[in-house]
Amino acid sequence: MLIKDPVQASEKLYKTVEEAVKAMAIALNIEKLTDVEKMGR
């Protein structure tokens, strides 16, 4: 896909990065939760 409008490209990139950060935050929280459960807390 070729995007000729730099503003649209920036918005799409921002949205993609935002979703990636959300996914990483969820993954890290789940991992931390598992660690806490293993420690019995």
C-alpha atoms as a PDB file:
ATOM      1  CA  MET A   1       0.000   0.000   0.000  1.00  0.00           C
ATOM      2  CA  LEU A   2       1.411   3.355  -0.993  1.00  0.00           C
ATOM      3  CA  ILE A   3       0.321   6.321   1.086  1.00  0.00           C
ATOM      4  CA  LYS A   4       0.992   9.636  -0.610  1.00  0.00           C
ATOM      5  CA  ASP A   5      -0.340  11.854   2.178  1.00  0.00           C
ATOM      6  CA  PRO A   6       2.287  12.281   4.933  1.00  0.00           C
ATOM      7  CA  VAL A   7      -0.336  13.320   7.491  1.00  0.00           C
ATOM      8  CA  GLN A   8      -2.343  10.172   6.879  1.00  0.00           C
ATOM      9  CA  ALA A   9       0.840   8.098   7.039  1.00  0.00           C
ATOM     10  CA  SER A  10       1.774   9.694  10.370  1.00  0.00           C
ATOM     11  CA  GLU A  11      -1.688   9.021  11.799  1.00  0.00           C
ATOM     12  CA  LYS A  12      -1.559   5.386  10.712  1.00  0.00           C
ATOM     13  CA  LEU A  13       1.919   4.961  12.171  1.00  0.00           C
ATOM     14  CA  TYR A  14       0.835   6.553  15.453  1.00  0.00           C
ATOM     15  CA  LYS A  15      -2.184   4.246  15.689  1.00  0.00           C
ATOM     16  CA  THR A  16      -0.040   1.188  14.966  1.00  0.00           C
ATOM     17  CA  VAL A  17       2.529   2.137  17.604  1.00  0.00           C
ATOM     18  CA  GLU A  18      -0.224   2.900  20.102  1.00  0.00           C
ATOM     19  CA  GLU A  19      -1.732  -0.554  19.606  1.00  0.00           C
ATOM     20  CA  ALA A  20       1.697  -2.191  19.930  1.00  0.00           C
ATOM     21  CA  VAL A  21       2.342  -0.388  23.222  1.00  0.00           C
ATOM     22  CA  LYS A  22      -1.064  -1.465  24.545  1.00  0.00           C
ATOM     23  CA  ALA A  23      -0.350  -5.078  23.590  1.00  0.00           C
ATOM     24  CA  MET A  24       3.051  -4.975  25.295  1.00  0.00           C
ATOM     25  CA  ALA A  25       1.541  -3.459  28.439  1.00  0.00           C
ATOM     26  CA  ILE A  26      -1.057  -6.215  28.582  1.00  0.00           C
ATOM     27  CA  ALA A  27       1.583  -8.892  28.033  1.00  0.00           C
ATOM     28  CA  LEU A  28       3.857  -7.472  30.727  1.00  0.00           C
ATOM     29  CA  ASN A  29       1.036  -7.169  33.245  1.00  0.00           C
ATOM     30  CA  ILE A  30       0.005 -10.771  32.651  1.00  0.00           C
ATOM     31  CA  GLU A  31       3.613 -11.899  33.135  1.00  0.00           C
ATOM     32  CA  LYS A  32       3.934  -9.888  36.338  1.00  0.00           C
ATOM     33  CA  LEU A  33       0.653 -11.296  37.588  1.00  0.00           C
ATOM     34  CA  THR A  34       1.920 -14.823  36.968  1.00  0.00           C
ATOM     35  CA  ASP A  35       5.118 -14.036  38.921  1.00  0.00           C
ATOM     36  CA  VAL A  36       3.098 -12.695  41.854  1.00  0.00           C
ATOM     37  CA  GLU A  37       0.834 -15.735  41.846  1.00  0.00           C
ATOM     38  CA  LYS A  38       3.884 -18.032  41.926  1.00  0.00           C
ATOM     39  CA  MET A  39       5.189 -16.166  44.982  1.00  0.00           C
ATOM     40  CA  GLY A  40       1.808 -16.689  46.685  1.00  0.00           C
ATOM     41  CA  ARG A  41       0.818 -13.051  46.889  1.00  0.00           C
END
